[in-house]
PDB file of N, CA and C in Angstrom:
ATOM      1  N   MET A   1     103.334 102.842 106.520  1.00  0.00           N
ATOM      2  CA  MET A   1     102.577 103.273 107.833  1.00  0.00           C
ATOM      3  C   MET A   1     104.106 103.515 108.170  1.00  0.00           C
ATOM      4  N   CYS A   2     103.627 105.377 109.025  1.00  0.00           N
ATOM      5  CA  CYS A   2     104.900 106.152 109.163  1.00  0.00           C
ATOM      6  C   CYS A   2     105.955 106.682 109.426  1.00  0.00           C
ATOM      7  N   LYS A   3     106.640 106.669 109.285  1.00  0.00           N
ATOM      8  CA  LYS A   3     107.754 106.963 110.002  1.00  0.00           C
ATOM      9  C   LYS A   3     108.193 106.845 111.117  1.00  0.00           C
ATOM     10  N   SER A   4     107.436 107.296 111.949  1.00  0.00           N
ATOM     11  CA  SER A   4     107.256 107.795 113.736  1.00  0.00           C
ATOM     12  C   SER A   4     106.074 107.100 113.789  1.00  0.00           C
ATOM     13  N   GLY A   5     106.233 105.787 114.399  1.00  0.00           N
ATOM     14  CA  GLY A   5     105.558 104.469 114.837  1.00  0.00           C
ATOM     15  C   GLY A   5     104.905 105.206 116.255  1.00  0.00           C
ATOM     16  N   THR A   6     104.226 106.319 116.375  1.00  0.00           N
ATOM     17  CA  THR A   6     103.583 106.514 116.985  1.00  0.00           C
ATOM     18  C   THR A   6     101.751 105.701 117.336  1.00  0.00           C
ATOM     19  N   GLU A   7     101.085 105.845 118.479  1.00  0.00           N
ATOM     20  CA  GLU A   7      99.761 104.968 118.251  1.00  0.00           C
ATOM     21  C   GLU A   7      98.947 106.047 117.613  1.00  0.00           C
ATOM     22  N   ALA A   8      99.060 106.717 117.264  1.00  0.00           N
ATOM     23  CA  ALA A   8      98.044 107.041 116.967  1.00  0.00           C
ATOM     24  C   ALA A   8      97.904 107.404 114.644  1.00  0.00           C
ATOM     25  N   ASN A   9      98.920 107.502 115.218  1.00  0.00           N
ATOM     26  CA  ASN A   9      99.461 106.701 113.687  1.00  0.00           C
ATOM     27  C   ASN A   9      99.312 105.725 113.187  1.00  0.00           C
ATOM     28  N   LYS A  10      98.782 104.631 114.263  1.00  0.00           N
ATOM     29  CA  LYS A  10      98.800 103.290 113.665  1.00  0.00           C
ATOM     30  C   LYS A  10      97.476 102.996 113.615  1.00  0.00           C
ATOM     31  N   ALA A  11      96.697 103.511 115.153  1.00  0.00           N
ATOM     32  CA  ALA A  11      95.206 104.033 114.509  1.00  0.00           C
ATOM     33  C   ALA A  11      95.199 104.315 113.643  1.00  0.00           C
ATOM     34  N   ARG A  12      95.462 105.571 112.708  1.00  0.00           N
ATOM     35  CA  ARG A  12      95.430 105.998 111.229  1.00  0.00           C
ATOM     36  C   ARG A  12      95.059 105.129 110.010  1.00  0.00           C
ATOM     37  N   TYR A  13      96.756 104.467 110.599  1.00  0.00           N
ATOM     38  CA  TYR A  13      96.321 103.361 109.442  1.00  0.00           C
ATOM     39  C   TYR A  13      95.558 102.650 109.554  1.00  0.00           C
ATOM     40  N   LYS A  14      95.391 102.010 110.775  1.00  0.00           N
ATOM     41  CA  LYS A  14      94.495 100.494 110.376  1.00  0.00           C
ATOM     42  C   LYS A  14      92.722 101.487 110.749  1.00  0.00           C
ATOM     43  N   ASN A  15      92.141 102.024 110.616  1.00  0.00           N
ATOM     44  CA  ASN A  15      91.208 102.773 109.580  1.00  0.00           C
ATOM     45  C   ASN A  15      91.459 102.816 107.893  1.00  0.00           C
ATOM     46  N   ILE A  16      92.572 103.624 107.581  1.00  0.00           N
ATOM     47  CA  ILE A  16      92.438 103.632 106.742  1.00  0.00           C
ATOM     48  C   ILE A  16      92.388 102.146 106.051  1.00  0.00           C
ATOM     49  N   LYS A  17      92.979 101.475 106.395  1.00  0.00           N
ATOM     50  CA  LYS A  17      93.103  99.820 106.063  1.00  0.00           C
ATOM     51  C   LYS A  17      91.735  99.489 105.684  1.00  0.00           C
ATOM     52  N   ASN A  18      90.745  99.603 106.832  1.00  0.00           N
ATOM     53  CA  ASN A  18      89.678  98.771 106.992  1.00  0.00           C
ATOM     54  C   ASN A  18      88.888  99.230 105.903  1.00  0.00           C
ATOM     55  N   TRP A  19      89.113 100.992 105.955  1.00  0.00           N
ATOM     56  CA  TRP A  19      88.867 101.469 105.007  1.00  0.00           C
ATOM     57  C   TRP A  19      88.009 101.061 102.988  1.00  0.00           C
ATOM     58  N   ALA A  20      89.461 100.657 103.212  1.00  0.00           N
ATOM     59  CA  ALA A  20      90.449 100.750 102.195  1.00  0.00           C
ATOM     60  C   ALA A  20      89.764  99.390 101.507  1.00  0.00           C
ATOM     61  N   LYS A  21      89.897  98.573 102.120  1.00  0.00           N
ATOM     62  CA  LYS A  21      88.942  96.515 102.021  1.00  0.00           C
ATOM     63  C   LYS A  21      87.745  97.224 102.126  1.00  0.00           C
ATOM     64  N   LYS A  22      86.907  97.498 102.694  1.00  0.00           N
ATOM     65  CA  LYS A  22      85.309  97.516 102.331  1.00  0.00           C
ATOM     66  C   LYS A  22      84.954  98.343 101.238  1.00  0.00           C
ATOM     67  N   MET A  23      86.271  99.240 100.395  1.00  0.00           N
ATOM     68  CA  MET A  23      85.242  99.895  99.784  1.00  0.00           C
ATOM     69  C   MET A  23      85.797  99.036  98.071  1.00  0.00           C
ATOM     70  N   VAL A  24      86.656  98.435  98.428  1.00  0.00           N
ATOM     71  CA  VAL A  24      87.515  97.577  97.208  1.00  0.00           C
ATOM     72  C   VAL A  24      85.994  96.373  97.501  1.00  0.00           C
ATOM     73  N   ALA A  25      85.816  95.252  98.789  1.00  0.00           N
ATOM     74  CA  ALA A  25      84.234  94.396  98.865  1.00  0.00           C
ATOM     75  C   ALA A  25      83.390  94.813  98.419  1.00  0.00           C
ATOM     76  N   LYS A  26      83.315  96.698  97.950  1.00  0.00           N
ATOM     77  CA  LYS A  26      82.377  96.890  97.738  1.00  0.00           C
ATOM     78  C   LYS A  26      82.372  97.158  95.846  1.00  0.00           C
ATOM     79  N   ALA A  27      82.621  97.475  95.582  1.00  0.00           N
ATOM     80  CA  ALA A  27      83.523  97.648  94.249  1.00  0.00           C
ATOM     81  C   ALA A  27      83.222  95.916  93.890  1.00  0.00           C
ATOM     82  N   MET A  28      83.754  95.529  94.202  1.00  0.00           N
ATOM     83  CA  MET A  28      83.484  94.028  93.303  1.00  0.00           C
ATOM     84  C   MET A  28      81.917  93.340  94.126  1.00  0.00           C
ATOM     85  N   LYS A  29      82.024  94.077  94.576  1.00  0.00           N
ATOM     86  CA  LYS A  29      80.189  93.483  94.963  1.00  0.00           C
ATOM     87  C   LYS A  29      79.635  94.179  93.813  1.00  0.00           C
ATOM     88  N   ASP A  30      79.080  95.267  93.509  1.00  0.00           N
ATOM     89  CA  ASP A  30      78.840  95.830  92.489  1.00  0.00           C
ATOM     90  C   ASP A  30      78.903  95.716  90.785  1.00  0.00           C
ATOM     91  N   ALA A  31      80.186  94.995  90.376  1.00  0.00           N
ATOM     92  CA  ALA A  31      80.843  95.005  89.783  1.00  0.00           C
ATOM     93  C   ALA A  31      81.037  93.141  89.632  1.00  0.00           C
ATOM     94  N   ALA A  32      80.204  92.638  89.633  1.00  0.00           N
ATOM     95  CA  ALA A  32      78.955  91.200  90.236  1.00  0.00           C
ATOM     96  C   ALA A  32      77.997  91.141  89.201  1.00  0.00           C
ATOM     97  N   LYS A  33      77.208  92.712  90.470  1.00  0.00           N
ATOM     98  CA  LYS A  33      75.603  92.895  90.683  1.00  0.00           C
ATOM     99  C   LYS A  33      75.365  92.981  88.635  1.00  0.00           C
ATOM    100  N   TRP A  34      76.245  93.904  88.326  1.00  0.00           N
ATOM    101  CA  TRP A  34      76.519  94.643  86.695  1.00  0.00           C
ATOM    102  C   TRP A  34      76.766  93.048  86.362  1.00  0.00           C
ATOM    103  N   GLU A  35      77.304  92.566  86.736  1.00  0.00           N
ATOM    104  CA  GLU A  35      78.289  90.819  85.489  1.00  0.00           C
ATOM    105  C   GLU A  35      76.358  90.330  85.716  1.00  0.00           C
ATOM    106  N   LEU A  36      76.334  90.603  86.364  1.00  0.00           N
ATOM    107  CA  LEU A  36      74.533  89.617  86.391  1.00  0.00           C
ATOM    108  C   LEU A  36      74.037  89.977  85.524  1.00  0.00           C
ATOM    109  N   ARG A  37      72.975  91.371  85.483  1.00  0.00           N
ATOM    110  CA  ARG A  37      72.373  92.176  84.634  1.00  0.00           C
ATOM    111  C   ARG A  37      72.869  91.689  83.465  1.00  0.00           C
ATOM    112  N   GLU A  38      73.690  92.756  82.838  1.00  0.00           N
ATOM    113  CA  GLU A  38      74.285  92.388  81.772  1.00  0.00           C
ATOM    114  C   GLU A  38      74.162  90.992  80.593  1.00  0.00           C
ATOM    115  N   LEU A  39      74.573  89.574  82.333  1.00  0.00           N
ATOM    116  CA  LEU A  39      74.125  88.559  81.188  1.00  0.00           C
ATOM    117  C   LEU A  39      73.028  87.931  81.698  1.00  0.00           C
ATOM    118  N   SER A  40      72.020  88.737  82.481  1.00  0.00           N
ATOM    119  CA  SER A  40      70.004  88.382  82.237  1.00  0.00           C
ATOM    120  C   SER A  40      69.841  89.783  80.964  1.00  0.00           C
ATOM    121  N   GLU A  41      70.235  90.202  80.245  1.00  0.00           N
ATOM    122  CA  GLU A  41      69.449  91.314  79.534  1.00  0.00           C
ATOM    123  C   GLU A  41      70.296  90.238  77.710  1.00  0.00           C
ATOM    124  N   HIS A  42      72.155  89.736  77.766  1.00  0.00           N
ATOM    125  CA  HIS A  42      72.168  89.450  77.033  1.00  0.00           C
ATOM    126  C   HIS A  42      73.177  88.193  77.594  1.00  0.00           C
ATOM    127  N   PRO A  43      72.161  87.105  77.066  1.00  0.00           N
ATOM    128  CA  PRO A  43      72.697  86.104  77.017  1.00  0.00           C
ATOM    129  C   PRO A  43      73.241  85.356  76.848  1.00  0.00           C
ATOM    130  N   ASP A  44      73.658  85.453  75.858  1.00  0.00           N
ATOM    131  CA  ASP A  44      75.401  84.924  74.733  1.00  0.00           C
ATOM    132  C   ASP A  44      76.198  85.709  75.397  1.00  0.00           C
ATOM    133  N   LYS A  45      77.047  86.426  76.050  1.00  0.00           N
ATOM    134  CA  LYS A  45      77.436  86.793  77.008  1.00  0.00           C
ATOM    135  C   LYS A  45      78.111  85.452  77.735  1.00  0.00           C
ATOM    136  N   VAL A  46      77.518  84.695  78.240  1.00  0.00           N
ATOM    137  CA  VAL A  46      77.663  83.680  79.436  1.00  0.00           C
ATOM    138  C   VAL A  46      78.385  83.229  78.370  1.00  0.00           C
ATOM    139  N   PHE A  47      79.092  82.678  77.461  1.00  0.00           N
ATOM    140  CA  PHE A  47      80.057  81.637  77.648  1.00  0.00           C
ATOM    141  C   PHE A  47      81.677  82.165  77.316  1.00  0.00           C
ATOM    142  N   LYS A  48      81.139  83.589  76.950  1.00  0.00           N
ATOM    143  CA  LYS A  48      82.566  84.352  77.001  1.00  0.00           C
ATOM    144  C   LYS A  48      83.161  84.795  78.215  1.00  0.00           C
ATOM    145  N   LEU A  49      82.045  84.702  79.094  1.00  0.00           N
ATOM    146  CA  LEU A  49      81.910  85.097  80.419  1.00  0.00           C
ATOM    147  C   LEU A  49      82.603  83.656  81.144  1.00  0.00           C
ATOM    148  N   VAL A  50      82.346  82.846  80.475  1.00  0.00           N
ATOM    149  CA  VAL A  50      82.818  81.488  81.586  1.00  0.00           C
ATOM    150  C   VAL A  50      84.065  80.816  80.992  1.00  0.00           C
ATOM    151  N   LYS A  51      84.285  81.197  79.856  1.00  0.00           N
ATOM    152  CA  LYS A  51      85.636  81.042  79.180  1.00  0.00           C
ATOM    153  C   LYS A  51      86.678  81.674  79.981  1.00  0.00           C
ATOM    154  N   SER A  52      86.224  82.732  80.148  1.00  0.00           N
ATOM    155  CA  SER A  52      86.630  83.844  81.191  1.00  0.00           C
ATOM    156  C   SER A  52      87.773  83.364  82.427  1.00  0.00           C
ATOM    157  N   GLU A  53      88.426  83.463  82.955  1.00  0.00           N
ATOM    158  CA  GLU A  53      89.394  82.923  84.185  1.00  0.00           C
ATOM    159  C   GLU A  53      88.630  83.220  85.373  1.00  0.00           C
ATOM    160  N   LYS A  54      87.418  84.328  85.305  1.00  0.00           N
ATOM    161  CA  LYS A  54      87.421  84.676  86.597  1.00  0.00           C
ATOM    162  C   LYS A  54      86.128  84.700  86.345  1.00  0.00           C
ATOM    163  N   GLY A  55      85.687  83.777  84.849  1.00  0.00           N
ATOM    164  CA  GLY A  55      83.923  82.858  85.724  1.00  0.00           C
ATOM    165  C   GLY A  55      83.756  82.108  85.972  1.00  0.00           C
ATOM    166  N   TRP A  56      84.958  81.617  85.604  1.00  0.00           N
ATOM    167  CA  TRP A  56      84.856  80.002  86.575  1.00  0.00           C
ATOM    168  C   TRP A  56      84.748  79.848  88.316  1.00  0.00           C
ATOM    169  N   GLU A  57      85.284  81.064  88.673  1.00  0.00           N
ATOM    170  CA  GLU A  57      84.499  80.625  90.178  1.00  0.00           C
ATOM    171  C   GLU A  57      83.433  81.636  90.824  1.00  0.00           C
ATOM    172  N   ARG A  58      82.887  81.933  89.721  1.00  0.00           N
ATOM    173  CA  ARG A  58      81.525  82.384  89.634  1.00  0.00           C
ATOM    174  C   ARG A  58      80.603  81.728  88.753  1.00  0.00           C
ATOM    175  N   CYS A  59      80.682  80.715  88.558  1.00  0.00           N
ATOM    176  CA  CYS A  59      79.545  79.693  87.579  1.00  0.00           C
ATOM    177  C   CYS A  59      79.298  77.969  88.050  1.00  0.00           C
ATOM    178  N   MET A  60      78.366  77.578  88.124  1.00  0.00           N
ATOM    179  CA  MET A  60      78.144  76.030  87.877  1.00  0.00           C
ATOM    180  C   MET A  60      77.265  75.578  88.102  1.00  0.00           C
ATOM    181  N   LYS A  61      77.571  74.394  87.201  1.00  0.00           N
ATOM    182  CA  LYS A  61      75.909  73.567  86.521  1.00  0.00           C
ATOM    183  C   LYS A  61      75.585  72.747  87.673  1.00  0.00           C
ATOM    184  N   GLY A  62      74.097  73.277  87.426  1.00  0.00           N
ATOM    185  CA  GLY A  62      73.462  72.101  88.463  1.00  0.00           C
ATOM    186  C   GLY A  62      72.360  71.225  88.181  1.00  0.00           C
ATOM    187  N   SER A  63      71.923  70.412  88.619  1.00  0.00           N
ATOM    188  CA  SER A  63      71.261  68.971  88.327  1.00  0.00           C
ATOM    189  C   SER A  63      70.765  69.601  87.468  1.00  0.00           C
ATOM    190  N   ASP A  64      69.811  70.148  87.111  1.00  0.00           N
ATOM    191  CA  ASP A  64      69.093  71.042  86.065  1.00  0.00           C
ATOM    192  C   ASP A  64      70.075  70.760  84.649  1.00  0.00           C
ATOM    193  N   GLY A  65      71.282  71.331  84.126  1.00  0.00           N
ATOM    194  CA  GLY A  65      72.192  71.351  83.791  1.00  0.00           C
ATOM    195  C   GLY A  65      71.925  72.957  83.302  1.00  0.00           C
ATOM    196  N   ARG A  66      71.332  73.908  84.277  1.00  0.00           N
ATOM    197  CA  ARG A  66      71.449  75.030  83.718  1.00  0.00           C
ATOM    198  C   ARG A  66      73.010  75.963  85.392  1.00  0.00           C
ATOM    199  N   LEU A  67      73.302  77.028  84.148  1.00  0.00           N
ATOM    200  CA  LEU A  67      74.100  77.500  85.346  1.00  0.00           C
ATOM    201  C   LEU A  67      73.761  78.330  86.021  1.00  0.00           C
ATOM    202  N   ASN A  68      74.418  78.135  87.107  1.00  0.00           N
ATOM    203  CA  ASN A  68      74.373  79.130  88.346  1.00  0.00           C
ATOM    204  C   ASN A  68      75.165  79.932  88.722  1.00  0.00           C
ATOM    205  N   PHE A  69      74.502  81.210  88.529  1.00  0.00           N
ATOM    206  CA  PHE A  69      75.893  82.410  88.689  1.00  0.00           C
ATOM    207  C   PHE A  69      76.066  83.275  90.317  1.00  0.00           C
ATOM    208  N   VAL A  70      74.273  82.865  90.725  1.00  0.00           N
ATOM    209  CA  VAL A  70      73.957  83.027  92.158  1.00  0.00           C
ATOM    210  C   VAL A  70      74.971  82.521  93.552  1.00  0.00           C
ATOM    211  N   GLU A  71      75.213  82.466  93.968  1.00  0.00           N
ATOM    212  CA  GLU A  71      75.305  82.349  95.555  1.00  0.00           C
ATOM    213  C   GLU A  71      75.324  80.859  95.645  1.00  0.00           C
ATOM    214  N   LYS A  72      73.465  81.047  96.149  1.00  0.00           N
ATOM    215  CA  LYS A  72      72.818  80.793  96.397  1.00  0.00           C
ATOM    216  C   LYS A  72      72.775  79.753  96.329  1.00  0.00           C
ATOM    217  N   ASP A  73      72.695  79.903  94.658  1.00  0.00           N
ATOM    218  CA  ASP A  73      72.313  78.339  93.750  1.00  0.00           C
ATOM    219  C   ASP A  73      73.849  77.358  93.760  1.00  0.00           C
ATOM    220  N   ARG A  74      74.721  78.321  93.568  1.00  0.00           N
ATOM    221  CA  ARG A  74      76.466  77.926  93.976  1.00  0.00           C
ATOM    222  C   ARG A  74      76.257  76.586  94.491  1.00  0.00           C
ATOM    223  N   GLU A  75      75.536  77.280  96.295  1.00  0.00           N
ATOM    224  CA  GLU A  75      76.694  76.212  96.809  1.00  0.00           C
ATOM    225  C   GLU A  75      75.130  75.037  97.485  1.00  0.00           C
ATOM    226  N   LYS A  76      73.538  75.419  96.433  1.00  0.00           N
ATOM    227  CA  LYS A  76      72.952  74.593  96.235  1.00  0.00           C
ATOM    228  C   LYS A  76      72.970  73.431  95.724  1.00  0.00           C
ATOM    229  N   ALA A  77      73.717  73.730  93.934  1.00  0.00           N
ATOM    230  CA  ALA A  77      74.244  72.440  93.495  1.00  0.00           C
ATOM    231  C   ALA A  77      75.762  71.916  93.377  1.00  0.00           C
ATOM    232  N   CYS A  78      75.642  72.730  94.421  1.00  0.00           N
ATOM    233  CA  CYS A  78      77.700  71.528  95.153  1.00  0.00           C
ATOM    234  C   CYS A  78      77.185  70.874  96.512  1.00  0.00           C
ATOM    235  N   LYS A  79      75.746  71.826  97.251  1.00  0.00           N
ATOM    236  CA  LYS A  79      75.366  70.139  98.248  1.00  0.00           C
ATOM    237  C   LYS A  79      74.399  69.111  97.396  1.00  0.00           C
ATOM    238  N   GLU A  80      74.406  69.284  96.311  1.00  0.00           N
ATOM    239  CA  GLU A  80      72.855  67.922  95.827  1.00  0.00           C
ATOM    240  C   GLU A  80      75.073  67.609  95.384  1.00  0.00           C
ATOM    241  N   HIS A  81      75.395  67.992  94.533  1.00  0.00           N
ATOM    242  CA  HIS A  81      76.378  66.887  94.305  1.00  0.00           C
ATOM    243  C   HIS A  81      76.715  66.224  95.042  1.00  0.00           C
ATOM    244  N   MET A  82      77.361  66.467  95.964  1.00  0.00           N
ATOM    245  CA  MET A  82      77.873  66.501  97.217  1.00  0.00           C
ATOM    246  C   MET A  82      77.744  65.402  97.838  1.00  0.00           C
ATOM    247  N   GLU A  83      76.028  65.216  97.813  1.00  0.00           N
ATOM    248  CA  GLU A  83      74.926  63.871  98.509  1.00  0.00           C
ATOM    249  C   GLU A  83      74.714  62.846  97.340  1.00  0.00           C
ATOM    250  N   ARG A  84      75.037  63.523  96.081  1.00  0.00           N
ATOM    251  CA  ARG A  84      75.080  62.688  95.188  1.00  0.00           C
ATOM    252  C   ARG A  84      76.097  61.804  95.003  1.00  0.00           C
ATOM    253  N   ILE A  85      77.457  61.935  95.524  1.00  0.00           N
ATOM    254  CA  ILE A  85      78.929  61.513  94.989  1.00  0.00           C
ATOM    255  C   ILE A  85      79.021  60.386  96.659  1.00  0.00           C
ATOM    256  N   MET A  86      78.095  61.398  97.675  1.00  0.00           N
ATOM    257  CA  MET A  86      78.366  60.295  99.022  1.00  0.00           C
ATOM    258  C   MET A  86      77.696  59.130  99.086  1.00  0.00           C
ATOM    259  N   ASN A  87      75.971  58.958  98.051  1.00  0.00           N
ATOM    260  CA  ASN A  87      75.549  58.176  98.093  1.00  0.00           C
ATOM    261  C   ASN A  87      75.413  57.184  97.500  1.00  0.00           C
ATOM    262  N   GLU A  88      76.221  56.966  96.618  1.00  0.00           N
ATOM    263  CA  GLU A  88      77.057  56.168  95.035  1.00  0.00           C
ATOM    264  C   GLU A  88      77.041  55.196  95.839  1.00  0.00           C
ATOM    265  N   GLU A  89      77.842  54.172  95.867  1.00  0.00           N
ATOM    266  CA  GLU A  89      77.993  52.692  95.841  1.00  0.00           C
ATOM    267  C   GLU A  89      79.485  52.153  94.735  1.00  0.00           C
ATOM    268  N   ASN A  90      80.984  52.172  95.124  1.00  0.00           N
ATOM    269  CA  ASN A  90      81.571  52.612  94.123  1.00  0.00           C
ATOM    270  C   ASN A  90      81.966  50.777  93.833  1.00  0.00           C
ATOM    271  N   ASP A  91      82.644  50.551  93.007  1.00  0.00           N
ATOM    272  CA  ASP A  91      82.923  49.110  93.387  1.00  0.00           C
ATOM    273  C   ASP A  91      84.126  48.868  93.392  1.00  0.00           C
ATOM    274  N   TRP A  92      85.300  50.104  93.479  1.00  0.00           N
ATOM    275  CA  TRP A  92      86.559  49.296  94.664  1.00  0.00           C
ATOM    276  C   TRP A  92      86.637  50.123  95.786  1.00  0.00           C
ATOM    277  N   ILE A  93      85.649  49.638  96.499  1.00  0.00           N
ATOM    278  CA  ILE A  93      86.366  49.588  97.784  1.00  0.00           C
ATOM    279  C   ILE A  93      85.438  48.568  98.074  1.00  0.00           C
ATOM    280  N   ARG A  94      84.571  47.627  96.838  1.00  0.00           N
ATOM    281  CA  ARG A  94      84.443  46.479  97.790  1.00  0.00           C
ATOM    282  C   ARG A  94      85.756  45.315  97.712  1.00  0.00           C
ATOM    283  N   THR A  95      86.810  45.627  97.029  1.00  0.00           N
ATOM    284  CA  THR A  95      87.778  44.492  96.639  1.00  0.00           C
ATOM    285  C   THR A  95      88.607  44.681  97.696  1.00  0.00           C
TER     286      THR A  95
END
C-alpha cells in the first residue's frame, strides 16, 4: 500500500488486489480446461499428469476404476467412497 494511508489509496489498493485475485483465478481455470483438453486428445499423458504433484489434487479414481478429473465426478467418487466405508461393519469395533 502507498505510504500515505488515505482512504482513497486504501480503496484503490483493495480494488487492484481484488482484480488481481480474479485474474489469477481465471488463469487457473483456463489452465485446468487446457489440461483436460490435452488429456482427452493425448490419453498417454494421463499418467504423467497424475505422477506430478498437481495431478494428485485434480484426480480421483472412481468405483468404476476410471480416473476422474472433473470436479463433479470427483465429488461423486468421494461421496460413493465415504458411503461405502461408513456402511461397512468393522470387526475391531465389536471387541
